[in-house]
């Protein structure tokens, strides 16, 4: 079942700045991966292919987080 994503940007949180509202809306949509979901649903994808892509995407994010952790650790070591 697909997750329900309500992306709301209020004028109050953007201080009535329309350009800021649009930027914030786009940022929230990207974070929720709404556009990516629509693109993926355009064509049928075999379940095995979908699982493989999901596994590869998860591996990339793990590696990215690990590199980020290592960089912060190196910065801490340099400062001490």
C-alpha atoms as a PDB file:
ATOM      1  CA  UNK A   1       0.000   0.000   0.000  1.00  0.00           C
ATOM      2  CA  UNK A   2       1.323   3.412  -0.932  1.00  0.00           C
ATOM      3  CA  UNK A   3       2.062   5.889   1.795  1.00  0.00           C
ATOM      4  CA  UNK A   4      -0.104   8.953   2.084  1.00  0.00           C
ATOM      5  CA  UNK A   5       1.933  12.132   1.689  1.00  0.00           C
ATOM      6  CA  UNK A   6       0.323  15.464   2.442  1.00  0.00           C
ATOM      7  CA  UNK A   7       2.759  18.215   1.573  1.00  0.00           C
ATOM      8  CA  UNK A   8       1.580  21.537   2.956  1.00  0.00           C
ATOM      9  CA  UNK A   9       3.410  24.840   2.932  1.00  0.00           C
ATOM     10  CA  UNK A  10       1.778  27.744   4.721  1.00  0.00           C
ATOM     11  CA  UNK A  11       2.277  31.421   4.024  1.00  0.00           C
ATOM     12  CA  UNK A  12       2.957  31.965   7.709  1.00  0.00           C
ATOM     13  CA  UNK A  13       6.002  29.667   7.799  1.00  0.00           C
ATOM     14  CA  UNK A  14       7.423  31.438   4.708  1.00  0.00           C
ATOM     15  CA  UNK A  15       6.557  34.960   5.873  1.00  0.00           C
ATOM     16  CA  UNK A  16       4.240  35.500   2.861  1.00  0.00           C
ATOM     17  CA  UNK A  17       7.168  35.191   0.445  1.00  0.00           C
ATOM     18  CA  UNK A  18       5.806  33.348  -2.607  1.00  0.00           C
ATOM     19  CA  UNK A  19       9.193  32.375  -4.029  1.00  0.00           C
ATOM     20  CA  UNK A  20      10.224  30.918  -0.684  1.00  0.00           C
ATOM     21  CA  UNK A  21       6.947  29.004  -0.519  1.00  0.00           C
ATOM     22  CA  UNK A  22       7.584  27.423  -3.914  1.00  0.00           C
ATOM     23  CA  UNK A  23      11.158  26.469  -2.983  1.00  0.00           C
ATOM     24  CA  UNK A  24      10.028  24.963   0.307  1.00  0.00           C
ATOM     25  CA  UNK A  25       7.223  23.045  -1.432  1.00  0.00           C
ATOM     26  CA  UNK A  26       9.650  21.596  -3.990  1.00  0.00           C
ATOM     27  CA  UNK A  27      12.052  20.622  -1.204  1.00  0.00           C
ATOM     28  CA  UNK A  28       9.288  18.838   0.737  1.00  0.00           C
ATOM     29  CA  UNK A  29       8.081  17.017  -2.390  1.00  0.00           C
ATOM     30  CA  UNK A  30      11.619  15.801  -3.099  1.00  0.00           C
ATOM     31  CA  UNK A  31      12.017  14.654   0.503  1.00  0.00           C
ATOM     32  CA  UNK A  32       8.779  12.654   0.306  1.00  0.00           C
ATOM     33  CA  UNK A  33       9.888  11.231  -3.083  1.00  0.00           C
ATOM     34  CA  UNK A  34       6.533  11.960  -4.687  1.00  0.00           C
ATOM     35  CA  UNK A  35       7.904  12.744  -8.153  1.00  0.00           C
ATOM     36  CA  UNK A  36      10.125   9.660  -8.064  1.00  0.00           C
ATOM     37  CA  UNK A  37       7.097   7.542  -7.157  1.00  0.00           C
ATOM     38  CA  UNK A  38       5.114   8.885 -10.121  1.00  0.00           C
ATOM     39  CA  UNK A  39       7.991   8.216 -12.519  1.00  0.00           C
ATOM     40  CA  UNK A  40       8.367   4.665 -11.222  1.00  0.00           C
ATOM     41  CA  UNK A  41       4.671   3.945 -11.669  1.00  0.00           C
ATOM     42  CA  UNK A  42       4.580   5.062 -15.309  1.00  0.00           C
ATOM     43  CA  UNK A  43       5.731   1.661 -16.488  1.00  0.00           C
ATOM     44  CA  UNK A  44       5.416  -1.802 -15.023  1.00  0.00           C
ATOM     45  CA  UNK A  45       8.523  -3.112 -13.338  1.00  0.00           C
ATOM     46  CA  UNK A  46       9.000  -6.758 -12.509  1.00  0.00           C
ATOM     47  CA  UNK A  47       9.096  -7.407  -8.750  1.00  0.00           C
ATOM     48  CA  UNK A  48      12.591  -8.889  -8.986  1.00  0.00           C
ATOM     49  CA  UNK A  49      13.887  -5.756 -10.733  1.00  0.00           C
ATOM     50  CA  UNK A  50      12.168  -3.516  -8.187  1.00  0.00           C
ATOM     51  CA  UNK A  51      13.751  -5.452  -5.302  1.00  0.00           C
ATOM     52  CA  UNK A  52      17.169  -5.276  -6.920  1.00  0.00           C
ATOM     53  CA  UNK A  53      16.909  -1.504  -7.426  1.00  0.00           C
ATOM     54  CA  UNK A  54      15.683  -1.037  -3.870  1.00  0.00           C
ATOM     55  CA  UNK A  55      18.608  -3.069  -2.530  1.00  0.00           C
ATOM     56  CA  UNK A  56      21.115  -1.059  -4.589  1.00  0.00           C
ATOM     57  CA  UNK A  57      19.563   2.249  -3.472  1.00  0.00           C
ATOM     58  CA  UNK A  58      19.719   1.159   0.181  1.00  0.00           C
ATOM     59  CA  UNK A  59      23.358   0.141  -0.211  1.00  0.00           C
ATOM     60  CA  UNK A  60      24.220   3.531  -1.715  1.00  0.00           C
ATOM     61  CA  UNK A  61      22.540   5.394   1.127  1.00  0.00           C
ATOM     62  CA  UNK A  62      24.352   3.228   3.698  1.00  0.00           C
ATOM     63  CA  UNK A  63      27.697   3.955   2.065  1.00  0.00           C
ATOM     64  CA  UNK A  64      26.883   7.654   1.875  1.00  0.00           C
ATOM     65  CA  UNK A  65      25.971   7.766   5.576  1.00  0.00           C
ATOM     66  CA  UNK A  66      29.116   5.830   6.476  1.00  0.00           C
ATOM     67  CA  UNK A  67      31.302   8.285   4.526  1.00  0.00           C
ATOM     68  CA  UNK A  68      29.530  11.168   6.223  1.00  0.00           C
ATOM     69  CA  UNK A  69      30.164   9.614   9.650  1.00  0.00           C
ATOM     70  CA  UNK A  70      33.827   9.088   8.821  1.00  0.00           C
ATOM     71  CA  UNK A  71      34.244  12.697   7.670  1.00  0.00           C
ATOM     72  CA  UNK A  72      32.724  14.052  10.874  1.00  0.00           C
ATOM     73  CA  UNK A  73      34.949  11.738  12.916  1.00  0.00           C
ATOM     74  CA  UNK A  74      38.028  12.966  11.041  1.00  0.00           C
ATOM     75  CA  UNK A  75      37.036  16.585  11.646  1.00  0.00           C
ATOM     76  CA  UNK A  76      36.659  15.876  15.378  1.00  0.00           C
ATOM     77  CA  UNK A  77      40.073  14.200  15.477  1.00  0.00           C
ATOM     78  CA  UNK A  78      41.704  17.149  13.716  1.00  0.00           C
ATOM     79  CA  UNK A  79      40.184  19.615  16.176  1.00  0.00           C
ATOM     80  CA  UNK A  80      41.444  17.701  19.211  1.00  0.00           C
END
